[in-house]
Amino acid sequence: MAEDPDVDGRPADEIDFATGGVDDAKSAPDNRDVDGPLDEHEANAVRPYVDLGGVKIVPREGLHLRLEVEEGTKRVVAVGLDYAGSTLQVQPFAAPRSTGLWHEIRAQIVQQIQRQGGTTREQDGVFGPEVLAELPVVAGGGEGGGKRLARFIGVDGPRWFLRGVISGAATVEGEAAEQIEDLFRSIVVVRGSMPMPPRDLIPLHMPANATAGQQKRQVAPE
């Protein structure tokens, strides 16, 4: 099973997203409100979903769900989706109504990966600008263990930002990439009405009826 990419020994969901003063325009496909990722008010209300709080996932054959839980707090901090020989890790964040987060977050991801000896290339993808990264792999003894590929994608929605990290076959194979991109499009973000500071993780939780294909993996706090 593919592992989630990490930077500086931390899972990708623990990268520091401090402000950097770059472009705050929203970044999203022109047809996002139709093709996804969707806001809860744009989604088909009668379609079956796995409800994880901040996101809803459409069940499909061959999809395995993992919830990443922070040690100590037991808070769910990310959703891992294993599908088509690939892994898609997603996190929903609160965002301003009129401005976006992806341009700023993307620039900071690039800086942090490069500081840790990785390489990055920004490219245009189906969701807009994304980062293709070669991440250093640290072996058990601390020696360099080579590199692995990851794609960092992001979409700014109404009052939310959805970030995805793709690893596995979808970083190099066109058919696998299309399957993972379709999976990302199918995600529904549930922002809720509660006021939240921008960049706060929208709360996630276990589904009401967890199945054998749904697992938990603990991650160390930052």
C-alpha atoms as a PDB file:
ATOM      1  CA  MET A   1       0.000   0.000   0.000  1.00  0.00           C
ATOM      2  CA  ALA A   2       1.360   3.422  -0.905  1.00  0.00           C
ATOM      3  CA  GLU A   3       2.352   5.671   1.983  1.00  0.00           C
ATOM      4  CA  ASP A   4       1.471   9.338   2.307  1.00  0.00           C
ATOM      5  CA  PRO A   5       4.383  11.579   1.274  1.00  0.00           C
ATOM      6  CA  ASP A   6       6.138  13.514   3.990  1.00  0.00           C
ATOM      7  CA  VAL A   7       8.393  16.530   4.256  1.00  0.00           C
ATOM      8  CA  ASP A   8      11.048  16.955   6.940  1.00  0.00           C
ATOM      9  CA  GLY A   9       9.965  13.682   8.529  1.00  0.00           C
ATOM     10  CA  ARG A  10       6.366  14.850   8.891  1.00  0.00           C
ATOM     11  CA  PRO A  11       3.251  13.736   7.020  1.00  0.00           C
ATOM     12  CA  ALA A  12       2.285  16.129   4.253  1.00  0.00           C
ATOM     13  CA  ASP A  13      -0.773  17.230   6.243  1.00  0.00           C
ATOM     14  CA  GLU A  14       1.525  18.687   8.930  1.00  0.00           C
ATOM     15  CA  ILE A  15       3.388  21.136   6.690  1.00  0.00           C
ATOM     16  CA  ASP A  16       3.334  24.630   8.195  1.00  0.00           C
ATOM     17  CA  PHE A  17       1.029  26.794   6.102  1.00  0.00           C
ATOM     18  CA  ALA A  18       1.990  30.164   7.612  1.00  0.00           C
ATOM     19  CA  THR A  19       1.115  33.212   5.574  1.00  0.00           C
ATOM     20  CA  GLY A  20       3.579  34.390   2.954  1.00  0.00           C
ATOM     21  CA  GLY A  21       1.888  37.333   1.259  1.00  0.00           C
ATOM     22  CA  VAL A  22       1.495  35.894  -2.245  1.00  0.00           C
ATOM     23  CA  ASP A  23      -1.441  35.843  -4.688  1.00  0.00           C
ATOM     24  CA  ASP A  24      -4.733  35.480  -2.793  1.00  0.00           C
ATOM     25  CA  ALA A  25      -6.991  35.012  -5.840  1.00  0.00           C
ATOM     26  CA  LYS A  26      -9.129  31.886  -5.849  1.00  0.00           C
ATOM     27  CA  SER A  27      -7.785  28.934  -7.835  1.00  0.00           C
ATOM     28  CA  ALA A  28     -10.376  26.486  -9.173  1.00  0.00           C
ATOM     29  CA  PRO A  29     -11.620  25.070 -12.479  1.00  0.00           C
ATOM     30  CA  ASP A  30     -14.223  27.254 -14.198  1.00  0.00           C
ATOM     31  CA  ASN A  31     -16.787  24.444 -13.904  1.00  0.00           C
ATOM     32  CA  ARG A  32     -15.988  23.460 -10.310  1.00  0.00           C
ATOM     33  CA  ASP A  33     -19.569  24.078  -9.118  1.00  0.00           C
ATOM     34  CA  VAL A  34     -20.789  21.495 -11.646  1.00  0.00           C
ATOM     35  CA  ASP A  35     -17.976  18.945 -11.976  1.00  0.00           C
ATOM     36  CA  GLY A  36     -16.496  19.236  -8.483  1.00  0.00           C
ATOM     37  CA  PRO A  37     -15.130  19.193  -5.938  1.00  0.00           C
ATOM     38  CA  LEU A  38     -18.523  20.401  -4.767  1.00  0.00           C
ATOM     39  CA  ASP A  39     -19.802  22.431  -1.874  1.00  0.00           C
ATOM     40  CA  GLU A  40     -22.513  20.714   0.155  1.00  0.00           C
ATOM     41  CA  HIS A  41     -25.097  23.153  -1.274  1.00  0.00           C
ATOM     42  CA  GLU A  42     -24.122  22.151  -4.840  1.00  0.00           C
ATOM     43  CA  ALA A  43     -24.212  18.376  -4.320  1.00  0.00           C
ATOM     44  CA  ASN A  44     -27.028  15.980  -5.163  1.00  0.00           C
ATOM     45  CA  ALA A  45     -28.872  15.576  -1.871  1.00  0.00           C
ATOM     46  CA  VAL A  46     -30.131  12.070  -2.670  1.00  0.00           C
ATOM     47  CA  ARG A  47     -26.776  10.621  -3.736  1.00  0.00           C
ATOM     48  CA  PRO A  48     -25.281   8.162  -1.238  1.00  0.00           C
ATOM     49  CA  TYR A  49     -22.162   9.409   0.549  1.00  0.00           C
ATOM     50  CA  VAL A  50     -19.835   8.313   3.321  1.00  0.00           C
ATOM     51  CA  ASP A  51     -20.171  11.185   5.800  1.00  0.00           C
ATOM     52  CA  LEU A  52     -16.838  12.137   7.385  1.00  0.00           C
ATOM     53  CA  GLY A  53     -17.866  15.527   8.721  1.00  0.00           C
ATOM     54  CA  GLY A  54     -15.878  18.084   6.733  1.00  0.00           C
ATOM     55  CA  VAL A  55     -16.017  15.949   3.588  1.00  0.00           C
ATOM     56  CA  LYS A  56     -18.364  13.413   2.067  1.00  0.00           C
ATOM     57  CA  ILE A  57     -17.030  10.616  -0.138  1.00  0.00           C
ATOM     58  CA  VAL A  58     -18.915   8.760  -2.858  1.00  0.00           C
ATOM     59  CA  PRO A  59     -18.437   5.006  -2.267  1.00  0.00           C
ATOM     60  CA  ARG A  60     -17.104   3.064  -5.229  1.00  0.00           C
ATOM     61  CA  GLU A  61     -15.769  -0.412  -5.982  1.00  0.00           C
ATOM     62  CA  GLY A  62     -12.127  -0.849  -4.977  1.00  0.00           C
ATOM     63  CA  LEU A  63     -11.956   2.287  -2.807  1.00  0.00           C
ATOM     64  CA  HIS A  64     -10.406   1.883   0.654  1.00  0.00           C
ATOM     65  CA  LEU A  65     -10.739   4.630   3.225  1.00  0.00           C
ATOM     66  CA  ARG A  66      -8.216   5.476   5.964  1.00  0.00           C
ATOM     67  CA  LEU A  67      -8.650   8.145   8.606  1.00  0.00           C
ATOM     68  CA  GLU A  68      -5.436   9.637   9.942  1.00  0.00           C
ATOM     69  CA  VAL A  69      -5.720  10.344  13.649  1.00  0.00           C
ATOM     70  CA  GLU A  70      -3.437  12.645  15.632  1.00  0.00           C
ATOM     71  CA  GLU A  71      -1.769  10.992  18.594  1.00  0.00           C
ATOM     72  CA  GLY A  72      -2.775  12.407  21.947  1.00  0.00           C
ATOM     73  CA  THR A  73      -5.806  14.385  20.804  1.00  0.00           C
ATOM     74  CA  LYS A  74      -7.282  11.491  18.767  1.00  0.00           C
ATOM     75  CA  ARG A  75      -8.438  14.141  16.299  1.00  0.00           C
ATOM     76  CA  VAL A  76      -8.972  13.021  12.697  1.00  0.00           C
ATOM     77  CA  VAL A  77      -6.592  15.227  10.681  1.00  0.00           C
ATOM     78  CA  ALA A  78      -6.763  13.764   7.170  1.00  0.00           C
ATOM     79  CA  VAL A  79      -8.580  11.279   4.977  1.00  0.00           C
ATOM     80  CA  GLY A  80      -6.569   8.762   2.956  1.00  0.00           C
ATOM     81  CA  LEU A  81      -8.208   7.161  -0.080  1.00  0.00           C
ATOM     82  CA  ASP A  82      -6.490   4.149  -1.651  1.00  0.00           C
ATOM     83  CA  TYR A  83      -7.740   3.586  -5.183  1.00  0.00           C
ATOM     84  CA  ALA A  84      -6.473   2.447  -8.594  1.00  0.00           C
ATOM     85  CA  GLY A  85      -2.963   1.692  -7.309  1.00  0.00           C
ATOM     86  CA  SER A  86      -2.675   5.197  -5.881  1.00  0.00           C
ATOM     87  CA  THR A  87      -3.305   7.130  -2.679  1.00  0.00           C
ATOM     88  CA  LEU A  88      -5.161  10.419  -2.420  1.00  0.00           C
ATOM     89  CA  GLN A  89      -4.856  12.223   0.888  1.00  0.00           C
ATOM     90  CA  VAL A  90      -7.370  15.050   1.382  1.00  0.00           C
ATOM     91  CA  GLN A  91      -7.946  17.792   3.929  1.00  0.00           C
ATOM     92  CA  PRO A  92     -10.609  20.535   3.955  1.00  0.00           C
ATOM     93  CA  PHE A  93      -9.715  23.944   5.404  1.00  0.00           C
ATOM     94  CA  ALA A  94     -11.755  27.029   6.208  1.00  0.00           C
ATOM     95  CA  ALA A  95     -11.074  29.918   3.841  1.00  0.00           C
ATOM     96  CA  PRO A  96     -12.206  33.525   3.290  1.00  0.00           C
ATOM     97  CA  ARG A  97     -15.335  34.091   1.249  1.00  0.00           C
ATOM     98  CA  SER A  98     -13.758  36.225  -1.487  1.00  0.00           C
ATOM     99  CA  THR A  99     -10.097  35.159  -1.549  1.00  0.00           C
ATOM    100  CA  GLY A 100      -8.268  31.851  -1.955  1.00  0.00           C
ATOM    101  CA  LEU A 101      -5.459  29.968  -0.229  1.00  0.00           C
ATOM    102  CA  TRP A 102      -3.959  27.710  -2.893  1.00  0.00           C
ATOM    103  CA  HIS A 103      -1.495  30.135  -4.507  1.00  0.00           C
ATOM    104  CA  GLU A 104       0.040  30.955  -1.138  1.00  0.00           C
ATOM    105  CA  ILE A 105       0.028  27.392   0.181  1.00  0.00           C
ATOM    106  CA  ARG A 106       1.492  26.065  -3.069  1.00  0.00           C
ATOM    107  CA  ALA A 107       4.422  28.491  -2.888  1.00  0.00           C
ATOM    108  CA  GLN A 108       5.157  27.439   0.660  1.00  0.00           C
ATOM    109  CA  ILE A 109       4.990  23.724  -0.175  1.00  0.00           C
ATOM    110  CA  VAL A 110       7.612  24.324  -2.889  1.00  0.00           C
ATOM    111  CA  GLN A 111       9.890  26.177  -0.475  1.00  0.00           C
ATOM    112  CA  GLN A 112       9.701  23.526   2.214  1.00  0.00           C
ATOM    113  CA  ILE A 113      10.281  20.605  -0.128  1.00  0.00           C
ATOM    114  CA  GLN A 114      13.309  22.310  -1.665  1.00  0.00           C
ATOM    115  CA  ARG A 115      14.752  23.094   1.776  1.00  0.00           C
ATOM    116  CA  GLN A 116      14.595  19.390   2.613  1.00  0.00           C
ATOM    117  CA  GLY A 117      16.471  18.312  -0.500  1.00  0.00           C
ATOM    118  CA  GLY A 118      13.519  17.517  -2.710  1.00  0.00           C
ATOM    119  CA  THR A 119      12.798  18.917  -6.142  1.00  0.00           C
ATOM    120  CA  THR A 120       9.584  20.445  -7.465  1.00  0.00           C
ATOM    121  CA  ARG A 121       8.009  21.419 -10.753  1.00  0.00           C
ATOM    122  CA  GLU A 122       4.879  23.514 -11.010  1.00  0.00           C
ATOM    123  CA  GLN A 123       2.558  22.488 -13.811  1.00  0.00           C
ATOM    124  CA  ASP A 124      -0.986  23.059 -15.056  1.00  0.00           C
ATOM    125  CA  GLY A 125      -3.340  20.233 -14.190  1.00  0.00           C
ATOM    126  CA  VAL A 126      -7.049  19.589 -14.566  1.00  0.00           C
ATOM    127  CA  PHE A 127      -7.745  21.550 -11.352  1.00  0.00           C
ATOM    128  CA  GLY A 128      -5.365  24.400 -12.173  1.00  0.00           C
ATOM    129  CA  PRO A 129      -1.770  24.852 -10.993  1.00  0.00           C
ATOM    130  CA  GLU A 130      -0.260  21.936  -9.089  1.00  0.00           C
ATOM    131  CA  VAL A 131       3.122  20.833  -7.783  1.00  0.00           C
ATOM    132  CA  LEU A 132       4.890  17.667  -8.928  1.00  0.00           C
ATOM    133  CA  ALA A 133       7.517  16.848  -6.317  1.00  0.00           C
ATOM    134  CA  GLU A 134      10.319  14.362  -5.806  1.00  0.00           C
ATOM    135  CA  LEU A 135      10.424  13.863  -2.052  1.00  0.00           C
ATOM    136  CA  PRO A 136      13.473  12.478  -0.227  1.00  0.00           C
ATOM    137  CA  VAL A 137      12.855   9.162   1.515  1.00  0.00           C
ATOM    138  CA  VAL A 138      14.632   8.681   4.835  1.00  0.00           C
ATOM    139  CA  ALA A 139      15.533   5.065   5.580  1.00  0.00           C
ATOM    140  CA  GLY A 140      15.221   3.588   9.062  1.00  0.00           C
ATOM    141  CA  GLY A 141      18.826   4.296   9.964  1.00  0.00           C
ATOM    142  CA  GLY A 142      18.663   7.921   8.867  1.00  0.00           C
ATOM    143  CA  GLU A 143      20.458   7.298   5.568  1.00  0.00           C
ATOM    144  CA  GLY A 144      19.022   8.630   2.352  1.00  0.00           C
ATOM    145  CA  GLY A 145      16.601   6.142   0.828  1.00  0.00           C
ATOM    146  CA  GLY A 146      16.020   7.638  -2.596  1.00  0.00           C
ATOM    147  CA  LYS A 147      13.077   9.722  -3.721  1.00  0.00           C
ATOM    148  CA  ARG A 148       9.368   9.266  -4.382  1.00  0.00           C
ATOM    149  CA  LEU A 149       6.929  11.234  -6.474  1.00  0.00           C
ATOM    150  CA  ALA A 150       3.913  13.149  -5.223  1.00  0.00           C
ATOM    151  CA  ARG A 151       1.419  15.548  -6.793  1.00  0.00           C
ATOM    152  CA  PHE A 152       0.077  18.381  -4.637  1.00  0.00           C
ATOM    153  CA  ILE A 153      -3.281  19.676  -5.868  1.00  0.00           C
ATOM    154  CA  GLY A 154      -5.688  22.240  -4.444  1.00  0.00           C
ATOM    155  CA  VAL A 155      -9.045  23.868  -5.140  1.00  0.00           C
ATOM    156  CA  ASP A 156     -10.511  27.011  -3.580  1.00  0.00           C
ATOM    157  CA  GLY A 157     -14.253  26.766  -3.029  1.00  0.00           C
ATOM    158  CA  PRO A 158     -16.861  28.966  -1.313  1.00  0.00           C
ATOM    159  CA  ARG A 159     -15.419  29.564   2.188  1.00  0.00           C
ATOM    160  CA  TRP A 160     -13.245  26.435   1.990  1.00  0.00           C
ATOM    161  CA  PHE A 161     -10.039  25.116   0.473  1.00  0.00           C
ATOM    162  CA  LEU A 162      -9.573  21.426  -0.386  1.00  0.00           C
ATOM    163  CA  ARG A 163      -6.022  20.120  -0.581  1.00  0.00           C
ATOM    164  CA  GLY A 164      -5.006  16.785  -2.070  1.00  0.00           C
ATOM    165  CA  VAL A 165      -1.737  14.861  -2.161  1.00  0.00           C
ATOM    166  CA  ILE A 166      -1.474  12.099  -4.757  1.00  0.00           C
ATOM    167  CA  SER A 167       1.102   9.328  -4.628  1.00  0.00           C
ATOM    168  CA  GLY A 168       1.506   5.993  -6.380  1.00  0.00           C
ATOM    169  CA  ALA A 169       0.562   5.118  -9.951  1.00  0.00           C
ATOM    170  CA  ALA A 170      -1.395   8.356 -10.515  1.00  0.00           C
ATOM    171  CA  THR A 171       1.865  10.357 -10.472  1.00  0.00           C
ATOM    172  CA  VAL A 172       3.145   8.644 -13.627  1.00  0.00           C
ATOM    173  CA  GLU A 173       0.300   6.790 -15.375  1.00  0.00           C
ATOM    174  CA  GLY A 174      -2.363   8.645 -17.330  1.00  0.00           C
ATOM    175  CA  GLU A 175      -5.216   6.206 -16.741  1.00  0.00           C
ATOM    176  CA  ALA A 176      -4.553   5.999 -12.992  1.00  0.00           C
ATOM    177  CA  ALA A 177      -4.290   9.804 -12.858  1.00  0.00           C
ATOM    178  CA  GLU A 178      -7.704  10.174 -14.489  1.00  0.00           C
ATOM    179  CA  GLN A 179      -9.246   7.794 -11.955  1.00  0.00           C
ATOM    180  CA  ILE A 180      -7.774   9.657  -8.983  1.00  0.00           C
ATOM    181  CA  GLU A 181      -8.737  13.038 -10.453  1.00  0.00           C
ATOM    182  CA  ASP A 182     -12.312  11.780 -10.859  1.00  0.00           C
ATOM    183  CA  LEU A 183     -12.229  10.673  -7.218  1.00  0.00           C
ATOM    184  CA  PHE A 184     -11.065  14.139  -6.119  1.00  0.00           C
ATOM    185  CA  ARG A 185     -13.840  15.766  -8.177  1.00  0.00           C
ATOM    186  CA  SER A 186     -16.467  13.602  -6.471  1.00  0.00           C
ATOM    187  CA  ILE A 187     -15.605  14.893  -2.974  1.00  0.00           C
ATOM    188  CA  VAL A 188     -18.163  17.139  -1.308  1.00  0.00           C
ATOM    189  CA  VAL A 189     -16.894  19.689   1.224  1.00  0.00           C
ATOM    190  CA  VAL A 190     -19.143  20.467   4.185  1.00  0.00           C
ATOM    191  CA  ARG A 191     -18.013  23.858   5.483  1.00  0.00           C
ATOM    192  CA  GLY A 192     -20.889  24.404   7.906  1.00  0.00           C
ATOM    193  CA  SER A 193     -22.068  27.743   9.260  1.00  0.00           C
ATOM    194  CA  MET A 194     -19.785  28.009  12.302  1.00  0.00           C
ATOM    195  CA  PRO A 195     -17.251  30.877  12.082  1.00  0.00           C
ATOM    196  CA  MET A 196     -13.704  29.556  11.636  1.00  0.00           C
ATOM    197  CA  PRO A 197     -10.370  31.316  11.070  1.00  0.00           C
ATOM    198  CA  PRO A 198      -8.928  30.792   7.576  1.00  0.00           C
ATOM    199  CA  ARG A 199      -6.608  27.749   7.386  1.00  0.00           C
ATOM    200  CA  ASP A 200      -8.276  25.953  10.297  1.00  0.00           C
ATOM    201  CA  LEU A 201      -8.969  22.303   9.479  1.00  0.00           C
ATOM    202  CA  ILE A 202     -12.693  21.726   9.027  1.00  0.00           C
ATOM    203  CA  PRO A 203     -13.528  19.006  11.602  1.00  0.00           C
ATOM    204  CA  LEU A 204     -13.492  15.426  10.351  1.00  0.00           C
ATOM    205  CA  HIS A 205     -14.921  12.353  12.074  1.00  0.00           C
ATOM    206  CA  MET A 206     -15.407   8.614  11.708  1.00  0.00           C
ATOM    207  CA  PRO A 207     -18.357   7.540   9.542  1.00  0.00           C
ATOM    208  CA  ALA A 208     -21.440   6.392  11.417  1.00  0.00           C
ATOM    209  CA  ASN A 209     -21.130   2.855  10.014  1.00  0.00           C
ATOM    210  CA  ALA A 210     -17.418   2.061   9.612  1.00  0.00           C
ATOM    211  CA  THR A 211     -16.677  -0.985   7.427  1.00  0.00           C
ATOM    212  CA  ALA A 212     -13.752  -3.368   7.112  1.00  0.00           C
ATOM    213  CA  GLY A 213     -12.376  -1.199   4.310  1.00  0.00           C
ATOM    214  CA  GLN A 214     -12.187   1.822   6.590  1.00  0.00           C
ATOM    215  CA  GLN A 215      -9.111   2.024   8.834  1.00  0.00           C
ATOM    216  CA  LYS A 216      -7.405   4.449  11.185  1.00  0.00           C
ATOM    217  CA  ARG A 217      -3.733   5.403  11.124  1.00  0.00           C
ATOM    218  CA  GLN A 218      -2.189   7.493  13.862  1.00  0.00           C
ATOM    219  CA  VAL A 219       0.122  10.364  13.009  1.00  0.00           C
ATOM    220  CA  ALA A 220       2.404  12.179  15.436  1.00  0.00           C
ATOM    221  CA  PRO A 221       1.502  15.779  16.266  1.00  0.00           C
ATOM    222  CA  GLU A 222       3.685  18.522  14.788  1.00  0.00           C
END
